[in-house]
Protein backbone atom coordinates (compact mmCIF):
# COMPACT_ATOMS: atom_id res chain seq x y z
CA MET A 1 161.28 380.18 122.36
CA SER A 2 159.65 377.41 123.91
CA PRO A 3 160.27 373.81 122.44
CA GLU A 4 157.39 372.14 120.37
CA THR A 5 155.70 369.45 122.23
CA TYR A 6 154.94 366.05 121.27
CA THR A 7 153.74 362.78 122.76
CA ASN A 8 156.33 360.78 120.67
CA LEU A 9 159.68 361.45 118.65
CA ILE A 10 161.55 358.90 116.98
CA ILE A 11 164.83 359.42 115.83
CA GLY A 12 165.43 357.34 112.32
CA SER A 13 162.88 356.31 110.25
CA GLY A 14 164.32 352.76 109.61
CA GLU A 15 161.98 349.65 109.59
CA GLY A 16 161.28 349.83 113.16
CA GLY A 17 160.86 353.36 113.67
CA LYS A 18 158.64 354.04 110.83
CA PHE A 19 156.37 351.27 111.55
CA LEU A 20 156.14 352.56 115.36
CA ALA A 21 155.42 355.91 114.34
CA TRP A 22 152.80 354.87 111.73
CA HIS A 23 151.01 352.80 114.54
CA LEU A 24 151.01 355.77 117.20
CA ALA A 25 149.99 358.48 114.97
CA SER A 26 147.16 356.38 113.59
CA SER A 27 146.23 356.02 117.22
CA GLY A 28 145.80 359.46 117.75
CA GLN A 29 149.14 360.62 119.48
CA LYS A 30 151.18 363.47 118.58
CA THR A 31 154.36 361.73 116.58
CA ALA A 32 157.12 363.00 114.53
CA VAL A 33 160.40 361.15 112.98
CA ILE A 34 163.42 362.97 112.22
CA GLU A 35 165.42 361.60 109.53
CA ARG A 36 168.78 362.51 108.42
CA ARG A 37 168.63 361.55 104.62
CA TRP A 38 166.95 358.08 104.07
CA ILE A 39 163.25 358.22 103.79
CA GLY A 40 162.26 354.96 105.39
CA GLY A 41 165.65 353.85 106.25
CA SER A 42 168.70 352.30 104.68
CA CYS A 43 166.62 349.10 103.37
CA PRO A 44 164.45 350.36 100.77
CA ASN A 45 167.34 353.00 99.83
CA ILE A 46 170.99 351.71 100.22
CA ASN A 47 170.61 348.18 101.24
CA CYS A 48 168.26 345.34 101.33
CA LEU A 49 165.78 345.93 98.40
CA PRO A 50 168.43 347.95 96.22
CA SER A 51 171.02 345.30 96.54
CA LYS A 52 168.52 342.62 95.48
CA ASN A 53 167.47 344.33 92.66
CA GLU A 54 170.81 344.49 91.17
CA ILE A 55 171.54 340.98 92.13
CA TRP A 56 168.25 340.13 90.00
CA SER A 57 169.78 342.02 86.99
CA ALA A 58 173.24 340.04 87.47
CA LYS A 59 170.91 336.77 87.56
CA VAL A 60 169.16 337.86 84.42
CA ASN A 61 172.58 338.70 82.84
CA HIS A 62 173.86 334.99 84.00
CA LEU A 63 170.71 333.43 82.53
CA VAL A 64 171.77 335.03 79.05
CA TYR A 65 175.17 333.92 79.41
CA ILE A 66 174.60 330.26 79.92
CA GLY A 67 171.36 330.25 77.82
CA GLY A 68 172.88 327.81 75.31
CA GLN A 69 172.12 325.10 77.66
CA PHE A 70 168.44 326.13 77.39
CA SER A 71 168.70 326.34 73.75
CA SER A 72 168.58 330.10 73.83
CA THR A 73 170.11 331.83 70.84
CA ALA A 74 170.47 335.23 72.62
CA ALA A 75 174.09 336.34 72.68
CA PRO A 76 175.44 337.87 75.79
CA GLY A 77 176.68 341.16 75.36
CA PRO A 78 178.22 344.02 77.34
CA VAL A 79 176.59 345.23 80.50
CA ASP A 80 175.41 348.62 80.75
CA MET A 81 175.46 349.56 84.27
CA ALA A 82 173.54 352.98 83.91
CA VAL A 83 170.60 350.64 82.85
CA VAL A 84 171.17 348.50 85.98
CA ARG A 85 171.25 351.74 88.04
CA LYS A 86 168.05 353.30 86.72
CA ARG A 87 166.08 349.75 87.35
CA LYS A 88 167.08 350.24 90.86
CA ARG A 89 166.68 354.07 91.11
CA ASP A 90 163.29 353.66 89.79
CA MET A 91 162.25 350.81 92.41
CA VAL A 92 163.72 353.28 94.92
CA ASP A 93 161.78 356.29 93.90
CA GLY A 94 158.55 354.00 94.03
CA LEU A 95 159.57 352.88 97.47
CA VAL A 96 160.16 356.55 98.80
CA ALA A 97 156.76 357.64 97.28
CA MET A 98 155.12 354.57 99.24
CA HIS A 99 156.40 355.60 102.36
CA LEU A 100 155.51 359.57 102.10
CA GLN A 101 152.08 358.48 101.76
CA LYS A 102 152.07 356.20 104.82
CA TYR A 103 153.04 359.43 106.64
CA LYS A 104 150.49 361.17 105.08
CA THR A 105 147.71 358.66 105.70
CA SER A 106 149.14 357.85 109.53
CA GLY A 107 149.40 361.63 110.27
CA ALA A 108 153.04 361.13 111.63
CA GLU A 109 155.21 364.09 110.91
CA LEU A 110 158.39 363.50 108.77
CA ILE A 111 161.05 366.09 110.16
CA MET A 112 164.31 365.83 107.78
CA GLY A 113 167.45 366.90 109.65
CA HIS A 114 170.06 366.05 112.31
CA ALA A 115 168.57 365.79 115.78
CA LYS A 116 171.09 366.10 119.00
CA PHE A 117 169.98 366.02 122.57
CA MET A 118 169.81 369.37 124.46
CA ALA A 119 168.39 368.15 127.50
CA PRO A 120 167.03 364.57 128.66
CA LYS A 121 163.73 365.05 126.61
CA THR A 122 164.63 367.68 124.53
CA LEU A 123 166.12 367.64 120.96
CA GLU A 124 167.56 370.35 118.71
CA VAL A 125 167.10 369.68 114.80
CA GLN A 126 169.15 371.10 112.56
CA LEU A 127 166.57 371.06 109.39
CA ASN A 128 168.01 369.90 105.95
CA GLU A 129 166.34 373.10 104.24
CA GLY A 130 167.93 375.41 106.83
CA GLY A 131 167.36 376.62 110.15
CA SER A 132 166.43 374.65 113.24
CA ARG A 133 163.71 373.21 115.72
CA THR A 134 163.55 372.67 119.25
CA LEU A 135 161.39 369.65 120.02
CA THR A 136 160.37 367.92 123.37
CA ALA A 137 158.64 364.78 123.89
CA GLN A 138 157.03 362.40 126.72
CA ARG A 139 158.70 359.66 125.03
CA ILE A 140 161.67 358.99 122.75
CA PHE A 141 162.53 356.26 120.39
CA LEU A 142 165.88 355.51 119.00
CA ASN A 143 166.34 354.18 115.49
CA LEU A 144 169.80 355.20 114.51
CA GLY A 145 170.93 352.49 112.48
CA THR A 146 174.28 351.47 111.49
CA ARG A 147 177.01 352.42 108.74
CA ALA A 148 179.80 350.69 107.04
CA ALA A 149 182.99 350.10 108.92
CA ILE A 150 186.38 350.78 107.37
CA PRO A 151 189.18 348.88 108.88
CA ARG A 152 192.34 350.48 110.21
CA VAL A 153 194.53 349.26 107.50
CA PRO A 154 197.19 351.83 106.05
CA GLY A 155 196.11 353.24 103.08
CA LEU A 156 192.60 352.06 103.05
CA ALA A 157 190.77 354.65 104.02
CA GLU A 158 192.76 357.14 101.77
CA SER A 159 192.16 355.03 99.03
CA ASP A 160 188.31 356.30 98.92
CA PRO A 161 186.96 352.55 98.79
CA LEU A 162 183.32 351.91 97.89
CA THR A 163 180.88 350.86 100.27
CA ASN A 164 177.28 349.28 99.84
CA ILE A 165 176.21 352.86 99.18
CA GLU A 166 178.48 353.66 96.27
CA ALA A 167 178.27 350.39 94.78
CA LEU A 168 174.92 350.49 94.23
CA GLU A 169 175.22 353.72 92.44
CA LEU A 170 178.08 352.93 89.84
CA ASP A 171 177.09 353.44 86.49
CA ARG A 172 180.22 351.61 84.88
CA LEU A 173 181.83 348.29 85.20
CA PRO A 174 184.65 348.26 87.63
CA GLN A 175 187.14 346.03 85.58
CA ARG A 176 188.85 344.53 88.35
CA LEU A 177 186.92 344.52 91.67
CA ILE A 178 188.63 343.56 95.10
CA VAL A 179 185.94 342.82 98.07
CA ILE A 180 187.33 343.13 101.37
CA GLY A 181 185.03 341.15 103.65
CA ALA A 182 183.21 337.63 102.79
CA GLY A 183 179.91 338.44 104.90
CA TYR A 184 176.48 338.86 103.43
CA VAL A 185 177.29 342.26 101.82
CA GLY A 186 180.74 341.25 100.35
CA LEU A 187 179.62 337.79 98.90
CA GLU A 188 176.52 339.33 97.53
CA PHE A 189 178.02 342.14 95.53
CA ALA A 190 181.15 339.94 94.64
CA GLN A 191 179.06 337.39 92.81
CA ALA A 192 176.58 340.08 91.03
CA TYR A 193 179.69 342.00 89.84
CA ARG A 194 181.52 338.87 88.57
CA ARG A 195 178.34 338.01 86.54
CA PHE A 196 177.82 341.72 85.19
CA GLY A 197 181.64 340.85 84.04
CA SER A 198 184.20 342.53 86.25
CA GLN A 199 187.17 340.60 87.57
CA VAL A 200 186.63 339.67 91.24
CA THR A 201 188.94 338.78 94.33
CA VAL A 202 187.51 338.49 97.62
CA ILE A 203 189.90 338.93 100.46
CA GLN A 204 188.81 337.16 103.89
CA ASP A 205 191.02 337.57 106.94
CA GLY A 206 189.31 334.44 108.77
CA PRO A 207 189.62 330.88 107.41
CA GLN A 208 186.34 330.38 105.47
CA LEU A 209 183.49 332.34 103.98
CA LEU A 210 180.70 333.18 106.26
CA ALA A 211 182.73 332.88 109.13
CA ARG A 212 179.54 331.94 111.60
CA GLU A 213 178.38 329.40 109.35
CA ASP A 214 179.20 325.60 109.54
CA ALA A 215 181.94 324.32 107.45
CA ASP A 216 179.87 322.17 104.85
CA VAL A 217 178.22 325.70 103.95
CA ALA A 218 181.32 327.70 103.37
CA LYS A 219 182.81 324.95 101.24
CA GLU A 220 179.94 324.66 98.95
CA LEU A 221 179.62 328.58 98.59
CA LEU A 222 183.40 328.42 97.82
CA GLU A 223 183.02 325.81 95.12
CA VAL A 224 180.21 327.72 93.58
CA PHE A 225 182.18 331.05 93.51
CA THR A 226 185.42 329.47 91.98
CA SER A 227 183.10 328.06 89.50
CA GLU A 228 181.92 331.33 88.51
CA GLY A 229 185.58 332.61 88.12
CA ILE A 230 185.84 334.53 91.49
CA GLU A 231 189.18 334.42 93.21
CA VAL A 232 189.13 334.08 97.06
CA LEU A 233 191.66 334.38 99.49
CA ALA A 234 191.19 333.12 102.82
CA PRO A 235 192.70 333.52 105.23
CA THR A 236 194.71 336.75 104.27
CA GLU A 237 195.87 339.74 106.03
CA ILE A 238 195.98 343.18 104.48
CA LEU A 239 199.31 344.77 105.10
CA SER A 240 198.55 347.95 103.33
CA VAL A 241 196.75 349.90 100.51
CA HIS A 242 198.10 352.10 97.64
CA GLY A 243 196.63 354.03 95.14
CA ARG A 244 192.73 355.40 94.42
CA SER A 245 189.50 353.18 93.88
CA GLY A 246 187.98 354.07 90.99
CA GLU A 247 191.50 354.34 89.28
CA HIS A 248 194.07 352.01 90.38
CA VAL A 249 194.91 350.25 93.32
CA ARG A 250 197.43 347.70 94.94
CA ILE A 251 196.92 345.81 97.98
CA PHE A 252 199.72 344.14 99.68
CA VAL A 253 198.66 340.94 101.52
CA SER A 254 199.87 338.17 103.54
CA THR A 255 198.69 334.55 102.71
CA PRO A 256 199.42 331.30 104.31
CA SER A 257 202.07 330.75 101.05
CA GLY A 258 203.63 334.29 101.51
CA GLU A 259 203.21 337.75 100.67
CA ARG A 260 201.78 339.09 97.30
CA THR A 261 200.22 341.97 95.69
CA ILE A 262 196.78 342.22 94.28
CA VAL A 263 196.13 344.83 91.81
CA GLY A 264 192.51 346.15 90.96
CA SER A 265 190.67 349.09 89.53
CA ASP A 266 188.07 349.23 92.73
CA ILE A 267 187.97 348.39 96.40
CA LEU A 268 184.66 347.36 98.06
CA VAL A 269 184.99 347.31 101.91
CA ALA A 270 182.04 345.08 103.35
CA THR A 271 183.55 344.15 106.92
CA GLY A 272 180.89 344.93 109.40
CA ARG A 273 178.98 347.86 110.35
CA VAL A 274 179.16 350.27 113.53
CA PRO A 275 176.08 351.96 115.00
CA ASN A 276 175.40 355.73 114.47
CA THR A 277 175.34 356.53 118.07
CA ASN A 278 178.16 359.40 118.25
CA SER A 279 177.52 363.15 117.42
CA ILE A 280 173.86 362.99 118.71
CA GLY A 281 174.43 363.61 122.62
CA LEU A 282 173.27 360.08 123.97
CA ASP A 283 175.15 361.19 127.26
CA THR A 284 173.08 364.30 127.93
CA ALA A 285 169.63 362.01 127.59
CA GLY A 286 171.54 359.56 130.38
CA VAL A 287 171.55 357.07 127.58
CA SER A 288 174.32 354.57 128.00
CA LEU A 289 176.25 352.75 125.39
CA ASP A 290 177.96 349.03 125.48
CA PRO A 291 181.50 348.52 125.05
CA ARG A 292 181.08 348.50 121.16
CA GLY A 293 179.08 351.78 120.95
CA TYR A 294 175.82 350.13 120.97
CA VAL A 295 172.80 351.56 122.81
CA GLN A 296 172.35 349.68 126.14
CA VAL A 297 168.91 348.30 126.32
CA ASP A 298 167.06 345.46 128.41
CA GLU A 299 164.80 342.87 127.13
CA ARG A 300 162.04 345.26 126.22
CA LEU A 301 164.28 347.47 124.41
CA GLN A 302 164.21 350.27 127.14
CA THR A 303 167.27 352.18 127.36
CA THR A 304 169.24 353.30 130.63
CA ALA A 305 166.99 356.55 130.62
CA PRO A 306 163.45 356.56 131.49
CA ASN A 307 161.11 356.70 128.71
CA ILE A 308 163.46 356.29 125.83
CA TRP A 309 163.61 353.21 123.90
CA ALA A 310 166.17 351.90 121.04
CA LEU A 311 165.17 349.57 118.39
CA GLY A 312 166.92 348.01 115.41
CA GLU A 313 170.74 347.97 114.47
CA CYS A 314 171.79 350.63 117.06
CA ALA A 315 170.04 348.46 119.90
CA GLY A 316 172.44 345.54 119.04
CA SER A 317 169.66 343.40 117.35
CA PRO A 318 170.60 341.28 114.47
CA GLN A 319 171.33 343.53 111.67
CA PHE A 320 168.41 342.30 109.57
CA THR A 321 165.27 344.20 108.50
CA HIS A 322 163.05 341.65 109.86
CA ALA A 323 164.77 341.76 113.03
CA SER A 324 163.92 345.63 113.41
CA PHE A 325 160.25 345.00 112.28
CA ASP A 326 159.84 342.54 115.44
CA ASP A 327 161.52 345.06 117.55
CA PHE A 328 158.68 347.63 116.90
CA ARG A 329 155.98 344.79 117.91
CA VAL A 330 158.02 344.15 121.10
CA ILE A 331 157.78 348.14 121.85
CA ARG A 332 154.11 348.41 120.67
CA ASP A 333 152.97 345.57 122.93
CA ASN A 334 154.81 346.92 125.87
CA LEU A 335 153.28 350.23 125.36
CA ALA A 336 149.97 348.75 125.13
CA GLY A 337 150.48 346.80 128.76
CA LYS A 338 151.46 343.48 127.33
CA ASN A 339 154.59 341.73 128.45
CA ARG A 340 156.66 340.86 125.05
CA THR A 341 160.22 340.72 125.11
CA THR A 342 163.18 339.83 122.89
CA ARG A 343 164.26 336.82 125.21
CA GLY A 344 164.37 333.68 123.02
CA ARG A 345 163.66 334.93 119.69
CA VAL A 346 164.75 332.77 116.93
CA ILE A 347 166.08 335.13 113.63
CA PRO A 348 166.08 333.47 110.27
CA SER A 349 168.64 334.73 107.60
CA CYS A 350 169.21 334.57 103.94
CA LEU A 351 172.13 335.23 102.18
CA PHE A 352 171.06 336.10 98.30
CA THR A 353 173.90 334.83 96.30
CA ASP A 354 172.99 332.11 93.84
CA PRO A 355 172.30 329.80 95.15
CA GLU A 356 170.83 331.27 98.13
CA VAL A 357 171.93 330.29 101.77
CA ALA A 358 169.04 330.13 104.44
CA HIS A 359 169.36 329.51 108.04
CA ILE A 360 167.28 329.29 110.95
CA GLY A 361 167.78 328.03 114.65
CA VAL A 362 170.56 325.71 115.88
CA SER A 363 173.66 324.99 113.42
CA GLU A 364 176.03 322.18 113.56
CA ASN A 365 178.62 324.63 115.16
CA ASP A 366 176.05 325.81 117.88
CA ALA A 367 175.47 322.40 118.94
CA LYS A 368 178.82 321.44 119.48
CA ARG A 369 179.54 324.97 121.41
CA LEU A 370 176.67 324.65 123.43
CA GLY A 371 176.87 320.73 124.28
CA ILE A 372 173.58 319.63 122.49
CA SER A 373 172.92 316.21 121.41
CA ILE A 374 171.44 316.10 118.20
CA ARG A 375 170.68 314.21 115.25
CA LEU A 376 171.74 315.40 111.79
CA ALA A 377 169.75 315.03 108.31
CA LYS A 378 171.12 316.04 105.04
CA ILE A 379 170.41 315.67 101.45
CA PRO A 380 172.12 317.15 98.38
CA MET A 381 170.02 319.52 96.25
CA SER A 382 169.75 316.95 93.56
CA ASP A 383 167.54 314.88 95.90
CA ASP A 384 165.00 317.62 95.46
CA LEU A 385 163.60 316.69 91.96
CA ARG A 386 162.50 320.41 91.26
CA SER A 387 166.17 321.25 91.22
CA ARG A 388 167.07 318.99 88.34
CA THR A 389 163.98 320.62 86.36
CA ILE A 390 165.98 324.14 86.36
CA GLY A 391 169.59 322.71 86.37
CA GLU A 392 170.13 324.24 89.49
CA THR A 393 171.61 321.24 91.71
CA ARG A 394 174.13 323.00 93.59
CA GLY A 395 173.64 322.78 97.66
CA PHE A 396 172.07 320.72 100.42
CA MET A 397 169.48 320.89 102.72
CA LYS A 398 170.21 320.00 106.35
CA ALA A 399 168.28 319.85 109.70
CA ILE A 400 169.34 319.37 113.18
CA LEU A 401 166.95 317.46 115.32
CA ASP A 402 166.83 316.94 119.19
CA ALA A 403 168.51 313.80 119.98
CA ASN A 404 165.65 312.72 122.53
CA SER A 405 162.88 313.88 120.50
CA ASP A 406 161.40 314.83 117.05
CA GLN A 407 161.73 318.37 117.47
CA ILE A 408 163.18 320.72 114.98
CA LEU A 409 166.35 322.80 116.25
CA GLY A 410 167.52 324.31 113.10
CA PHE A 411 167.48 324.06 109.29
CA THR A 412 170.04 325.18 106.83
CA MET A 413 169.74 325.20 103.04
CA VAL A 414 172.14 326.03 100.35
CA GLY A 415 170.07 326.13 97.19
CA PRO A 416 167.44 328.02 94.60
CA GLU A 417 164.61 329.33 96.64
CA ALA A 418 166.08 328.72 100.05
CA GLY A 419 164.68 331.38 101.79
CA GLU A 420 161.09 330.41 100.76
CA VAL A 421 161.79 326.69 101.68
CA MET A 422 163.38 327.75 105.19
CA ALA A 423 160.08 329.57 105.97
CA VAL A 424 158.10 326.39 105.85
CA VAL A 425 160.37 324.72 108.25
CA GLN A 426 160.25 328.10 110.65
CA ILE A 427 156.59 327.80 110.73
CA ALA A 428 156.60 324.19 111.81
CA MET A 429 159.10 325.13 114.56
CA GLN A 430 157.13 328.02 115.81
CA ALA A 431 154.28 325.53 115.97
CA GLY A 432 156.19 322.87 117.86
CA LEU A 433 155.66 320.49 115.44
CA ALA A 434 157.48 317.54 114.95
CA TYR A 435 159.88 316.64 112.10
CA THR A 436 157.53 313.94 111.04
CA ALA A 437 154.85 316.56 110.03
CA LEU A 438 156.71 317.68 107.35
CA ARG A 439 157.76 314.29 106.47
CA ASP A 440 154.54 312.54 106.39
CA ALA A 441 152.68 315.72 104.66
CA ILE A 442 151.60 315.91 101.04
CA LEU A 443 153.73 318.65 99.34
CA THR A 444 153.26 319.60 95.83
CA HIS A 445 155.21 317.76 93.48
CA PRO A 446 157.71 319.30 91.76
CA THR A 447 158.51 322.17 94.19
CA MET A 448 161.48 322.97 96.19
CA SER A 449 159.68 322.55 99.41
CA GLU A 450 158.86 318.88 98.50
CA GLY A 451 162.46 318.08 99.00
CA LEU A 452 161.65 318.45 102.71
CA THR A 453 159.90 315.34 102.43
CA ALA A 454 162.92 313.28 101.22
CA LEU A 455 164.98 315.48 103.74
CA PHE A 456 163.17 314.23 107.05
CA PHE A 457 162.60 311.00 105.81
CA GLN A 458 166.71 310.54 106.15
CA THR A 459 166.37 310.86 109.86
CA LYS A 460 165.23 307.35 110.08
CA GLU A 461 168.46 306.27 108.62
CA ILE A 462 171.07 307.83 110.88
CA ALA A 463 173.12 305.47 112.45
CA ALA A 464 174.27 306.26 116.15
CA ASP A 465 177.79 307.07 115.16
CA THR A 466 176.34 309.97 112.84
CA LYS A 467 174.69 311.55 115.93
CA ILE A 468 176.74 314.77 117.23
CA ARG A 469 177.10 314.16 120.95
CA ALA A 470 178.55 316.44 123.54
CA THR A 471 178.83 316.62 127.39
CA ALA A 472 175.34 317.99 128.05
CA SER A 473 172.01 317.64 126.46
CA THR A 474 170.33 320.90 127.72
CA ARG A 475 168.62 322.72 124.56
CA PRO A 476 169.37 326.59 124.46
CA ALA A 477 166.65 328.84 125.14
CA SER A 478 167.35 330.70 121.72
CA ALA A 479 169.48 330.86 118.93
CA VAL A 480 170.18 334.08 117.08
CA SER A 481 171.57 334.08 113.49
CA GLY A 482 173.28 337.11 112.21
CA SER A 483 175.58 338.36 109.57
């Protein structure tokens, strides 16, 4: 039987892939998306949005717990995780329905199944409902995504630990949760489950939380976690794991003060992700991988095979949904004959702990590593008067400025609504505005963004010995934040 012919085939329905499919199909091109399981990709099903949904449930529970500070007479009670899960599932169901409607209105075909290359432009799809189809296309786009990595620690895989997927499906409260990894996923879940009522221990192999962030960011977040009763062990090496997650586990670790045993009921592994590039026959298609297993692409996201592109996390792009969406725009514009690349992109990030941690551009660590002369402006969150009205004064704002101009190179905030405030600075950076534009703007009082006025006013008072100077003064072409 001859293969079914398409103009475009997209493997994976994540952020970049689905927007590309809807765009191409809406323009009249015969387009299909092949998806193994998650309609819309991981973000609306098992990652970004569901986790933020449960984090908000934890925030509400925390507000009830501290309600006496605001004269509330509501008494905190046990958390019903079945209700938490139902609220999350209801949201996911609505998002999936929205995605199915987008496929219908755009004309893009959604095929549920597992694809594998049989020839450079030919795919065999084992359908979830049974049977198979053979498809070929002029152009193929890889939007394969990533999955949680399980470290090679004796006994860890055998303990059947939770990943982000299983943690979001719990209808019970772990008595004592051990979180392995202090990146975005680990920290968000650690705080959420502590606020639901679990005892929580975080184990990090490196010396601080959020290994890529400046030391003051990690220190601030550590103080927050400690104040909420979360035990943090860093640096700590896991020697072995015994037992079964969900029942009883023992983790033997080595710390700077000696070896010890950590006992818990559940383990959550959050130590990074690996690309879904195996078992799909990419070598048959002539698609090369880098040493870490990610698809090798150029600055236009073209692979080593003609007329095959890759986008999103499998292409090594920063592991954020908004980065994958920009990958879609890069491919879209190049298909239309425009010149758009990934070179020089500045990708913002936001950790949705409470308080949030938001970052864009150059950090202090970046400046030291790259040899950039900078000026530093920093204020405590208590200087932002909005924080006092809501009683959330923990954290700080920090800006990195070019030492020889008024250009903003980077911004970091640990505080309430940090992601929203960061967006204001990001727009100023993209527009090439001097920091004085924000310093002199009339910003609404009292809002969190108004704190930027106080922050950038401080730059006038920075003494020479507070500048961070290195051996060179060349500004980098780009800075990318990742988790």
